[in-house]
C-alpha atoms as a PDB file:
ATOM      1  CA  UNK A   1      -5.956 -20.288   7.998  1.00  0.00           C
ATOM      2  CA  UNK A   2      -2.859 -18.471   6.699  1.00  0.00           C
ATOM      3  CA  UNK A   3      -0.491 -17.445   9.472  1.00  0.00           C
ATOM      4  CA  UNK A   4       1.880 -14.545   8.926  1.00  0.00           C
ATOM      5  CA  UNK A   5       4.234 -12.890  11.390  1.00  0.00           C
ATOM      6  CA  UNK A   6       3.129  -9.410  12.357  1.00  0.00           C
ATOM      7  CA  UNK A   7       5.714  -7.270  14.095  1.00  0.00           C
ATOM      8  CA  UNK A   8       4.699  -4.444  16.413  1.00  0.00           C
ATOM      9  CA  UNK A   9       1.050  -5.513  15.891  1.00  0.00           C
ATOM     10  CA  UNK A  10       0.703  -2.946  13.090  1.00  0.00           C
ATOM     11  CA  UNK A  11       3.094  -4.206  10.409  1.00  0.00           C
ATOM     12  CA  UNK A  12       2.771  -7.155   8.073  1.00  0.00           C
ATOM     13  CA  UNK A  13       5.883  -8.771   6.561  1.00  0.00           C
ATOM     14  CA  UNK A  14       5.253  -9.814   2.964  1.00  0.00           C
ATOM     15  CA  UNK A  15       7.067 -10.583  -0.267  1.00  0.00           C
ATOM     16  CA  UNK A  16       7.275  -8.179  -3.177  1.00  0.00           C
ATOM     17  CA  UNK A  17       9.241  -9.464  -6.163  1.00  0.00           C
ATOM     18  CA  UNK A  18      10.926 -12.034  -3.895  1.00  0.00           C
ATOM     19  CA  UNK A  19      12.039  -9.356  -1.405  1.00  0.00           C
ATOM     20  CA  UNK A  20      10.699  -9.108   2.132  1.00  0.00           C
ATOM     21  CA  UNK A  21       9.039  -5.762   2.849  1.00  0.00           C
ATOM     22  CA  UNK A  22       7.010  -4.382   5.740  1.00  0.00           C
ATOM     23  CA  UNK A  23       3.607  -2.799   5.264  1.00  0.00           C
ATOM     24  CA  UNK A  24       1.676  -0.822   7.840  1.00  0.00           C
ATOM     25  CA  UNK A  25      -1.851  -2.150   8.379  1.00  0.00           C
ATOM     26  CA  UNK A  26      -3.985   0.989   8.714  1.00  0.00           C
ATOM     27  CA  UNK A  27      -7.731   0.528   9.119  1.00  0.00           C
ATOM     28  CA  UNK A  28      -8.120   4.322   9.102  1.00  0.00           C
ATOM     29  CA  UNK A  29      -6.862   4.537   5.524  1.00  0.00           C
ATOM     30  CA  UNK A  30      -9.600   3.944   2.954  1.00  0.00           C
ATOM     31  CA  UNK A  31      -7.066   3.008   0.253  1.00  0.00           C
ATOM     32  CA  UNK A  32      -3.663   1.365   0.077  1.00  0.00           C
ATOM     33  CA  UNK A  33      -0.750   3.720  -0.490  1.00  0.00           C
ATOM     34  CA  UNK A  34       2.919   3.502  -1.400  1.00  0.00           C
ATOM     35  CA  UNK A  35       5.476   6.271  -1.499  1.00  0.00           C
ATOM     36  CA  UNK A  36       6.989   7.385  -4.775  1.00  0.00           C
ATOM     37  CA  UNK A  37      10.384   6.379  -3.366  1.00  0.00           C
ATOM     38  CA  UNK A  38       9.089   2.846  -2.613  1.00  0.00           C
ATOM     39  CA  UNK A  39       7.740   2.493  -6.178  1.00  0.00           C
ATOM     40  CA  UNK A  40      11.109   3.498  -7.644  1.00  0.00           C
ATOM     41  CA  UNK A  41      13.082   1.344  -5.201  1.00  0.00           C
ATOM     42  CA  UNK A  42      11.089  -1.778  -6.168  1.00  0.00           C
ATOM     43  CA  UNK A  43      10.693  -1.042  -9.881  1.00  0.00           C
ATOM     44  CA  UNK A  44       6.906  -0.692  -9.707  1.00  0.00           C
ATOM     45  CA  UNK A  45       5.109   0.916 -12.622  1.00  0.00           C
ATOM     46  CA  UNK A  46       3.121   4.067 -11.892  1.00  0.00           C
ATOM     47  CA  UNK A  47       0.200   5.166 -14.070  1.00  0.00           C
ATOM     48  CA  UNK A  48      -0.871   8.816 -13.990  1.00  0.00           C
ATOM     49  CA  UNK A  49      -4.007   9.748 -12.082  1.00  0.00           C
ATOM     50  CA  UNK A  50      -6.808  10.495 -14.513  1.00  0.00           C
ATOM     51  CA  UNK A  51      -9.588  11.681 -12.257  1.00  0.00           C
ATOM     52  CA  UNK A  52     -10.037  13.802  -9.150  1.00  0.00           C
ATOM     53  CA  UNK A  53     -11.377  10.906  -7.048  1.00  0.00           C
ATOM     54  CA  UNK A  54      -8.023   9.143  -7.051  1.00  0.00           C
ATOM     55  CA  UNK A  55      -5.909  12.231  -6.539  1.00  0.00           C
ATOM     56  CA  UNK A  56      -7.451  13.854  -3.457  1.00  0.00           C
ATOM     57  CA  UNK A  57      -6.724  12.187  -0.131  1.00  0.00           C
ATOM     58  CA  UNK A  58      -6.149  13.635   3.340  1.00  0.00           C
ATOM     59  CA  UNK A  59      -3.513  12.299   5.757  1.00  0.00           C
ATOM     60  CA  UNK A  60      -4.194  11.547   9.426  1.00  0.00           C
ATOM     61  CA  UNK A  61      -2.624  14.900  10.275  1.00  0.00           C
ATOM     62  CA  UNK A  62      -5.239  16.666   8.129  1.00  0.00           C
ATOM     63  CA  UNK A  63      -2.859  17.634   5.329  1.00  0.00           C
ATOM     64  CA  UNK A  64      -3.598  16.686   1.708  1.00  0.00           C
ATOM     65  CA  UNK A  65      -1.480  13.924   0.195  1.00  0.00           C
ATOM     66  CA  UNK A  66       0.300  14.647  -3.079  1.00  0.00           C
ATOM     67  CA  UNK A  67      -0.914  11.676  -5.169  1.00  0.00           C
ATOM     68  CA  UNK A  68       1.195  11.240  -8.306  1.00  0.00           C
ATOM     69  CA  UNK A  69      -0.290   8.037  -9.706  1.00  0.00           C
ATOM     70  CA  UNK A  70      -1.581   4.511  -9.236  1.00  0.00           C
ATOM     71  CA  UNK A  71       0.467   1.323  -9.123  1.00  0.00           C
ATOM     72  CA  UNK A  72      -0.774  -2.225  -9.639  1.00  0.00           C
ATOM     73  CA  UNK A  73       1.401  -5.088  -8.407  1.00  0.00           C
ATOM     74  CA  UNK A  74       1.192  -8.411  -6.587  1.00  0.00           C
ATOM     75  CA  UNK A  75       2.381  -9.297  -3.115  1.00  0.00           C
ATOM     76  CA  UNK A  76       2.800 -12.696  -1.524  1.00  0.00           C
ATOM     77  CA  UNK A  77       1.701 -13.504   2.012  1.00  0.00           C
ATOM     78  CA  UNK A  78       2.530 -17.019   3.209  1.00  0.00           C
ATOM     79  CA  UNK A  79       2.630 -18.164  -0.423  1.00  0.00           C
ATOM     80  CA  UNK A  80      -0.709 -16.583  -1.362  1.00  0.00           C
ATOM     81  CA  UNK A  81      -0.414 -14.110  -4.279  1.00  0.00           C
ATOM     82  CA  UNK A  82      -2.594 -11.019  -3.805  1.00  0.00           C
ATOM     83  CA  UNK A  83      -3.121  -8.250  -6.370  1.00  0.00           C
ATOM     84  CA  UNK A  84      -2.758  -4.721  -4.990  1.00  0.00           C
ATOM     85  CA  UNK A  85      -3.903  -1.398  -6.420  1.00  0.00           C
ATOM     86  CA  UNK A  86      -2.193   1.394  -4.500  1.00  0.00           C
ATOM     87  CA  UNK A  87      -2.183   5.159  -4.792  1.00  0.00           C
ATOM     88  CA  UNK A  88       1.358   6.524  -5.121  1.00  0.00           C
ATOM     89  CA  UNK A  89       2.058   9.540  -2.910  1.00  0.00           C
ATOM     90  CA  UNK A  90       5.064  11.797  -3.262  1.00  0.00           C
ATOM     91  CA  UNK A  91       5.778  11.456   0.487  1.00  0.00           C
ATOM     92  CA  UNK A  92       4.341   9.208   3.206  1.00  0.00           C
ATOM     93  CA  UNK A  93       5.169   8.587   6.856  1.00  0.00           C
ATOM     94  CA  UNK A  94       5.471   4.859   5.946  1.00  0.00           C
ATOM     95  CA  UNK A  95       6.514   3.580   2.512  1.00  0.00           C
ATOM     96  CA  UNK A  96       3.690   1.028   2.237  1.00  0.00           C
ATOM     97  CA  UNK A  97       0.302   1.484   3.892  1.00  0.00           C
ATOM     98  CA  UNK A  98      -2.293  -1.231   3.447  1.00  0.00           C
ATOM     99  CA  UNK A  99      -5.700   0.343   3.888  1.00  0.00           C
ATOM    100  CA  UNK A 100      -9.184  -0.955   4.467  1.00  0.00           C
ATOM    101  CA  UNK A 101      -9.493  -1.783   0.748  1.00  0.00           C
ATOM    102  CA  UNK A 102      -6.870  -4.518   1.280  1.00  0.00           C
ATOM    103  CA  UNK A 103      -8.651  -5.779   4.389  1.00  0.00           C
ATOM    104  CA  UNK A 104     -11.918  -6.072   2.422  1.00  0.00           C
ATOM    105  CA  UNK A 105     -10.184  -8.096  -0.321  1.00  0.00           C
ATOM    106  CA  UNK A 106      -8.852 -10.457   2.349  1.00  0.00           C
ATOM    107  CA  UNK A 107     -12.270 -10.753   3.992  1.00  0.00           C
ATOM    108  CA  UNK A 108     -11.001  -9.381   7.296  1.00  0.00           C
END
């Protein structure tokens, strides 16, 4: 079993390009999301959204999210490398939100 410190019971500390970052674990989010600012800050590539399915998401407050692309990158949790596909939103309440898609990959 891989043990990883979780602070505030909702955040997971992980490595991204050898830097420690915090991600919000959000079971209410169907997909993983990063902010556009986070993508730029960490040098993550962003591909344009090509279809409507990937570009239309609603926030918890009921407002539509402005999805600008998709980013594929790897994170490391306790030495385990995990590929992530995240929607890139212009603005988010948290820079990195790991949704239920991540939890399914992990078998949680």
